[in-house]
């Protein structure tokens, strides 16, 4: 009976997690390896919500919750963010080229 209750609870948590993440599956969340640590400051209200989600065992940590929400936000507009990333790469190349030309201009006599 306790085993049955546990699996029902897990099912509710997974369902709630999927709803919170726009139906991202649990496998997708687990399969993506989080390799880069990013520190951020957040308002107390947001942290309280994150803590509530952790307390309810929807997420294992604040970090996991924030990561999931950021991934969801970007995934929802991935085409736009891919274009932004591409343009940022182009800008970086142009900036590097301009710096090289500026350096050469000061070296020539």
N, C-alpha and C. Protein backbone atom coordinates (compact mmCIF):
# COMPACT_ATOMS: atom_id res chain seq x y z
N UNK A 1 0.82 -1.19 0.00
CA UNK A 1 0.00 0.00 0.00
C UNK A 1 0.86 1.26 0.00
N UNK A 2 1.90 1.26 0.85
CA UNK A 2 2.81 2.41 0.89
C UNK A 2 3.52 2.57 -0.44
N UNK A 3 3.86 1.42 -1.06
CA UNK A 3 4.52 1.45 -2.36
C UNK A 3 3.60 2.07 -3.42
N UNK A 4 2.31 1.70 -3.37
CA UNK A 4 1.34 2.23 -4.31
C UNK A 4 1.18 3.74 -4.12
N UNK A 5 1.11 4.17 -2.86
CA UNK A 5 0.99 5.60 -2.56
C UNK A 5 2.20 6.36 -3.06
N UNK A 6 3.40 5.77 -2.89
CA UNK A 6 4.64 6.41 -3.34
C UNK A 6 4.62 6.60 -4.85
N UNK A 7 4.21 5.58 -5.59
CA UNK A 7 4.21 5.71 -7.04
C UNK A 7 3.16 6.71 -7.50
N UNK A 8 2.03 6.79 -6.79
CA UNK A 8 1.03 7.80 -7.12
C UNK A 8 1.58 9.19 -6.86
N UNK A 9 2.28 9.35 -5.74
CA UNK A 9 2.88 10.65 -5.41
C UNK A 9 3.90 11.02 -6.47
N UNK A 10 4.74 10.07 -6.87
CA UNK A 10 5.73 10.35 -7.90
C UNK A 10 5.05 10.75 -9.20
N UNK A 11 3.95 10.07 -9.53
CA UNK A 11 3.21 10.39 -10.75
C UNK A 11 2.66 11.80 -10.70
N UNK A 12 2.16 12.22 -9.55
CA UNK A 12 1.64 13.57 -9.39
C UNK A 12 2.78 14.57 -9.53
N UNK A 13 3.93 14.28 -8.91
CA UNK A 13 5.06 15.18 -9.00
C UNK A 13 5.55 15.30 -10.43
N UNK A 14 5.66 14.20 -11.12
CA UNK A 14 6.11 14.24 -12.51
C UNK A 14 5.11 15.02 -13.35
N UNK A 15 3.84 14.79 -13.13
CA UNK A 15 2.83 15.51 -13.87
C UNK A 15 2.91 17.01 -13.60
N UNK A 16 3.07 17.38 -12.34
CA UNK A 16 3.20 18.78 -11.99
C UNK A 16 4.47 19.36 -12.60
N UNK A 17 5.56 18.59 -12.54
CA UNK A 17 6.83 19.04 -13.12
C UNK A 17 6.66 19.27 -14.61
N UNK A 18 5.99 18.34 -15.29
CA UNK A 18 5.75 18.49 -16.73
C UNK A 18 4.92 19.74 -17.01
N UNK A 19 3.91 19.98 -16.19
CA UNK A 19 3.09 21.17 -16.39
C UNK A 19 3.92 22.42 -16.20
N UNK A 20 4.75 22.44 -15.16
CA UNK A 20 5.59 23.61 -14.89
C UNK A 20 6.58 23.85 -16.01
N UNK A 21 7.03 22.80 -16.64
CA UNK A 21 8.06 22.93 -17.66
C UNK A 21 7.50 22.83 -19.07
N UNK A 22 6.23 23.03 -19.22
CA UNK A 22 5.64 23.00 -20.55
C UNK A 22 5.74 21.62 -21.17
N UNK A 23 5.52 20.62 -20.35
CA UNK A 23 5.48 19.22 -20.78
C UNK A 23 6.83 18.68 -21.21
N UNK A 24 7.91 19.26 -20.70
CA UNK A 24 9.22 18.66 -20.91
C UNK A 24 9.23 17.35 -20.15
N UNK A 25 9.70 16.29 -20.74
CA UNK A 25 9.71 15.01 -20.04
C UNK A 25 10.83 14.97 -19.02
N UNK A 26 10.66 14.16 -17.99
CA UNK A 26 11.66 13.99 -16.94
C UNK A 26 12.96 13.47 -17.55
N UNK A 27 12.86 12.61 -18.57
CA UNK A 27 14.07 12.08 -19.21
C UNK A 27 14.88 13.19 -19.86
N UNK A 28 14.22 14.15 -20.49
CA UNK A 28 14.93 15.27 -21.11
C UNK A 28 15.68 16.08 -20.06
N UNK A 29 15.05 16.27 -18.90
CA UNK A 29 15.70 17.04 -17.84
C UNK A 29 16.92 16.31 -17.31
N UNK A 30 16.81 15.01 -17.12
CA UNK A 30 17.89 14.24 -16.55
C UNK A 30 19.01 14.02 -17.56
N UNK A 31 18.66 13.86 -18.84
CA UNK A 31 19.66 13.54 -19.85
C UNK A 31 20.57 14.72 -20.18
N UNK A 32 20.12 15.93 -19.95
CA UNK A 32 20.95 17.10 -20.24
C UNK A 32 21.90 17.32 -19.07
N UNK A 33 23.17 17.20 -19.36
CA UNK A 33 24.17 17.37 -18.33
C UNK A 33 24.42 18.85 -18.11
N UNK A 34 24.30 19.27 -16.86
CA UNK A 34 24.56 20.66 -16.53
C UNK A 34 26.04 20.77 -16.17
N UNK A 35 26.82 21.42 -17.03
CA UNK A 35 28.26 21.46 -16.89
C UNK A 35 28.80 22.79 -16.40
N UNK A 36 28.08 23.86 -16.64
CA UNK A 36 28.59 25.19 -16.34
C UNK A 36 27.78 25.79 -15.19
N UNK A 37 28.49 26.28 -14.21
CA UNK A 37 27.85 26.91 -13.06
C UNK A 37 27.70 28.41 -13.34
N UNK A 38 26.52 28.95 -13.04
CA UNK A 38 26.25 30.36 -13.24
C UNK A 38 25.66 30.91 -11.94
N UNK A 39 26.32 31.91 -11.39
CA UNK A 39 25.79 32.52 -10.17
C UNK A 39 24.87 33.68 -10.56
N UNK A 40 23.80 33.85 -9.80
CA UNK A 40 22.87 34.94 -10.08
C UNK A 40 22.23 35.42 -8.79
N UNK A 41 21.79 36.63 -8.80
CA UNK A 41 21.02 37.18 -7.67
C UNK A 41 19.56 37.24 -8.09
N UNK A 42 18.70 36.88 -7.16
CA UNK A 42 17.28 36.88 -7.44
C UNK A 42 16.55 37.53 -6.28
N UNK A 43 15.34 37.99 -6.55
CA UNK A 43 14.54 38.59 -5.49
C UNK A 43 14.12 37.52 -4.49
N UNK A 44 13.86 37.96 -3.28
CA UNK A 44 13.42 37.04 -2.23
C UNK A 44 12.14 36.32 -2.60
N UNK A 45 11.23 37.00 -3.30
CA UNK A 45 9.97 36.38 -3.71
C UNK A 45 10.21 35.19 -4.63
N UNK A 46 11.11 35.36 -5.58
CA UNK A 46 11.42 34.28 -6.52
C UNK A 46 12.07 33.11 -5.77
N UNK A 47 13.00 33.42 -4.87
CA UNK A 47 13.68 32.37 -4.10
C UNK A 47 12.68 31.60 -3.25
N UNK A 48 11.70 32.28 -2.69
CA UNK A 48 10.67 31.59 -1.90
C UNK A 48 9.89 30.60 -2.77
N UNK A 49 9.60 30.99 -3.98
CA UNK A 49 8.89 30.09 -4.90
C UNK A 49 9.78 28.89 -5.24
N UNK A 50 11.05 29.16 -5.54
CA UNK A 50 11.98 28.07 -5.82
C UNK A 50 12.07 27.11 -4.63
N UNK A 51 12.17 27.68 -3.43
CA UNK A 51 12.24 26.86 -2.23
C UNK A 51 10.98 26.01 -2.05
N UNK A 52 9.83 26.58 -2.38
CA UNK A 52 8.58 25.82 -2.28
C UNK A 52 8.59 24.64 -3.25
N UNK A 53 9.09 24.85 -4.46
CA UNK A 53 9.17 23.77 -5.45
C UNK A 53 10.13 22.68 -5.00
N UNK A 54 11.21 23.09 -4.33
CA UNK A 54 12.16 22.11 -3.79
C UNK A 54 11.53 21.38 -2.60
N UNK A 55 10.88 22.11 -1.73
CA UNK A 55 10.21 21.51 -0.56
C UNK A 55 9.19 20.47 -0.99
N UNK A 56 8.48 20.74 -2.05
CA UNK A 56 7.49 19.80 -2.58
C UNK A 56 8.12 18.65 -3.37
N UNK A 57 9.45 18.68 -3.47
CA UNK A 57 10.23 17.66 -4.19
C UNK A 57 9.90 17.61 -5.67
N UNK A 58 9.49 18.75 -6.21
CA UNK A 58 9.29 18.86 -7.65
C UNK A 58 10.65 18.99 -8.30
N UNK A 59 11.55 19.71 -7.64
CA UNK A 59 12.94 19.82 -8.07
C UNK A 59 13.83 19.42 -6.91
N UNK A 60 15.03 18.98 -7.24
CA UNK A 60 15.97 18.55 -6.21
C UNK A 60 16.67 19.74 -5.54
N UNK A 61 16.76 20.86 -6.26
CA UNK A 61 17.47 22.01 -5.73
C UNK A 61 16.99 23.28 -6.44
N UNK A 62 17.34 24.42 -5.87
CA UNK A 62 17.06 25.69 -6.53
C UNK A 62 17.73 25.72 -7.90
N UNK A 63 18.96 25.25 -7.92
CA UNK A 63 19.73 25.25 -9.16
C UNK A 63 19.02 24.46 -10.26
N UNK A 64 18.52 23.29 -9.91
CA UNK A 64 17.81 22.48 -10.90
C UNK A 64 16.56 23.21 -11.39
N UNK A 65 15.84 23.86 -10.49
CA UNK A 65 14.62 24.58 -10.88
C UNK A 65 14.95 25.74 -11.81
N UNK A 66 15.93 26.54 -11.43
CA UNK A 66 16.31 27.68 -12.28
C UNK A 66 16.78 27.20 -13.64
N UNK A 67 17.60 26.17 -13.65
CA UNK A 67 18.10 25.62 -14.92
C UNK A 67 16.94 25.17 -15.81
N UNK A 68 15.99 24.47 -15.23
CA UNK A 68 14.86 23.97 -16.00
C UNK A 68 14.03 25.11 -16.58
N UNK A 69 13.79 26.14 -15.78
CA UNK A 69 12.99 27.27 -16.27
C UNK A 69 13.72 28.06 -17.36
N UNK A 70 15.01 28.23 -17.21
CA UNK A 70 15.79 28.95 -18.24
C UNK A 70 15.79 28.14 -19.53
N UNK A 71 16.03 26.83 -19.41
CA UNK A 71 16.00 25.98 -20.60
C UNK A 71 14.64 26.03 -21.28
N UNK A 72 13.58 26.03 -20.49
CA UNK A 72 12.24 26.09 -21.06
C UNK A 72 12.03 27.41 -21.80
N UNK A 73 12.44 28.51 -21.19
CA UNK A 73 12.25 29.82 -21.80
C UNK A 73 13.00 29.93 -23.13
N UNK A 74 14.23 29.44 -23.16
CA UNK A 74 15.01 29.50 -24.39
C UNK A 74 14.47 28.52 -25.43
N UNK A 75 14.13 27.32 -25.00
CA UNK A 75 13.61 26.32 -25.94
C UNK A 75 12.32 26.78 -26.61
N UNK A 76 11.53 27.55 -25.90
CA UNK A 76 10.26 28.03 -26.45
C UNK A 76 10.47 28.97 -27.63
N UNK A 77 11.66 29.61 -27.71
CA UNK A 77 11.96 30.55 -28.80
C UNK A 77 13.32 30.22 -29.39
N UNK A 78 13.62 28.94 -29.55
CA UNK A 78 14.96 28.49 -29.95
C UNK A 78 15.41 29.09 -31.27
N UNK A 79 14.53 29.23 -32.24
CA UNK A 79 14.93 29.81 -33.53
C UNK A 79 15.47 31.22 -33.35
N UNK A 80 14.78 32.00 -32.55
CA UNK A 80 15.21 33.37 -32.29
C UNK A 80 16.57 33.38 -31.57
N UNK A 81 16.71 32.52 -30.56
CA UNK A 81 17.97 32.49 -29.81
C UNK A 81 19.13 31.94 -30.65
N UNK A 82 18.86 31.04 -31.57
CA UNK A 82 19.92 30.56 -32.48
C UNK A 82 20.39 31.69 -33.38
N UNK A 83 19.45 32.51 -33.85
CA UNK A 83 19.81 33.67 -34.68
C UNK A 83 20.63 34.68 -33.87
N UNK A 84 20.23 34.92 -32.64
CA UNK A 84 20.98 35.82 -31.75
C UNK A 84 22.40 35.29 -31.57
N UNK A 85 22.53 34.00 -31.33
CA UNK A 85 23.85 33.39 -31.14
C UNK A 85 24.70 33.54 -32.40
N UNK A 86 24.09 33.34 -33.56
CA UNK A 86 24.80 33.48 -34.83
C UNK A 86 25.27 34.92 -35.04
N UNK A 87 24.39 35.87 -34.78
CA UNK A 87 24.76 37.28 -34.93
C UNK A 87 25.84 37.68 -33.94
N UNK A 88 25.80 37.16 -32.73
CA UNK A 88 26.84 37.45 -31.74
C UNK A 88 28.19 36.93 -32.22
N UNK A 89 28.20 35.76 -32.85
CA UNK A 89 29.43 35.21 -33.43
C UNK A 89 29.97 36.12 -34.52
N UNK A 90 29.07 36.59 -35.40
CA UNK A 90 29.47 37.51 -36.47
C UNK A 90 30.04 38.81 -35.89
N UNK A 91 29.40 39.34 -34.88
CA UNK A 91 29.87 40.58 -34.24
C UNK A 91 31.24 40.36 -33.62
N UNK A 92 31.44 39.23 -32.98
CA UNK A 92 32.73 38.90 -32.37
C UNK A 92 33.83 38.86 -33.42
N UNK A 93 33.54 38.24 -34.58
CA UNK A 93 34.52 38.17 -35.67
C UNK A 93 34.84 39.57 -36.20
N UNK A 94 33.81 40.39 -36.39
CA UNK A 94 34.02 41.77 -36.87
C UNK A 94 34.84 42.58 -35.86
N UNK A 95 34.54 42.41 -34.58
CA UNK A 95 35.27 43.13 -33.54
C UNK A 95 36.74 42.72 -33.54
N UNK A 96 36.99 41.41 -33.64
CA UNK A 96 38.38 40.92 -33.68
C UNK A 96 39.12 41.45 -34.90
N UNK A 97 38.45 41.49 -36.04
CA UNK A 97 39.05 42.00 -37.26
C UNK A 97 39.36 43.50 -37.12
N UNK A 98 38.42 44.25 -36.55
CA UNK A 98 38.63 45.69 -36.37
C UNK A 98 39.79 45.94 -35.41
N UNK A 99 39.92 45.16 -34.36
CA UNK A 99 41.04 45.30 -33.42
C UNK A 99 42.36 45.01 -34.11
N UNK A 100 42.36 43.98 -34.97
CA UNK A 100 43.58 43.63 -35.70
C UNK A 100 43.99 44.78 -36.62
N UNK A 101 43.02 45.35 -37.35
CA UNK A 101 43.30 46.47 -38.25
C UNK A 101 43.79 47.70 -37.47
N UNK A 102 43.17 47.95 -36.33
CA UNK A 102 43.59 49.09 -35.50
C UNK A 102 45.03 48.89 -35.02
N UNK A 103 45.34 47.68 -34.60
CA UNK A 103 46.70 47.39 -34.15
C UNK A 103 47.69 47.59 -35.29
N UNK A 104 47.34 47.08 -36.49
CA UNK A 104 48.21 47.24 -37.67
C UNK A 104 48.38 48.71 -38.02
N UNK A 105 47.33 49.50 -37.89
CA UNK A 105 47.41 50.94 -38.21
C UNK A 105 48.41 51.65 -37.33
N UNK A 106 48.50 51.26 -36.09
CA UNK A 106 49.46 51.88 -35.18
C UNK A 106 50.88 51.34 -35.35
N UNK A 107 51.00 50.18 -35.98
CA UNK A 107 52.32 49.59 -36.18
C UNK A 107 53.00 50.12 -37.44
N UNK A 108 52.22 50.49 -38.43
CA UNK A 108 52.78 50.96 -39.71
C UNK A 108 53.27 52.40 -39.58
N UNK A 109 54.34 52.72 -40.33
CA UNK A 109 54.86 54.11 -40.29
C UNK A 109 54.92 54.68 -41.66
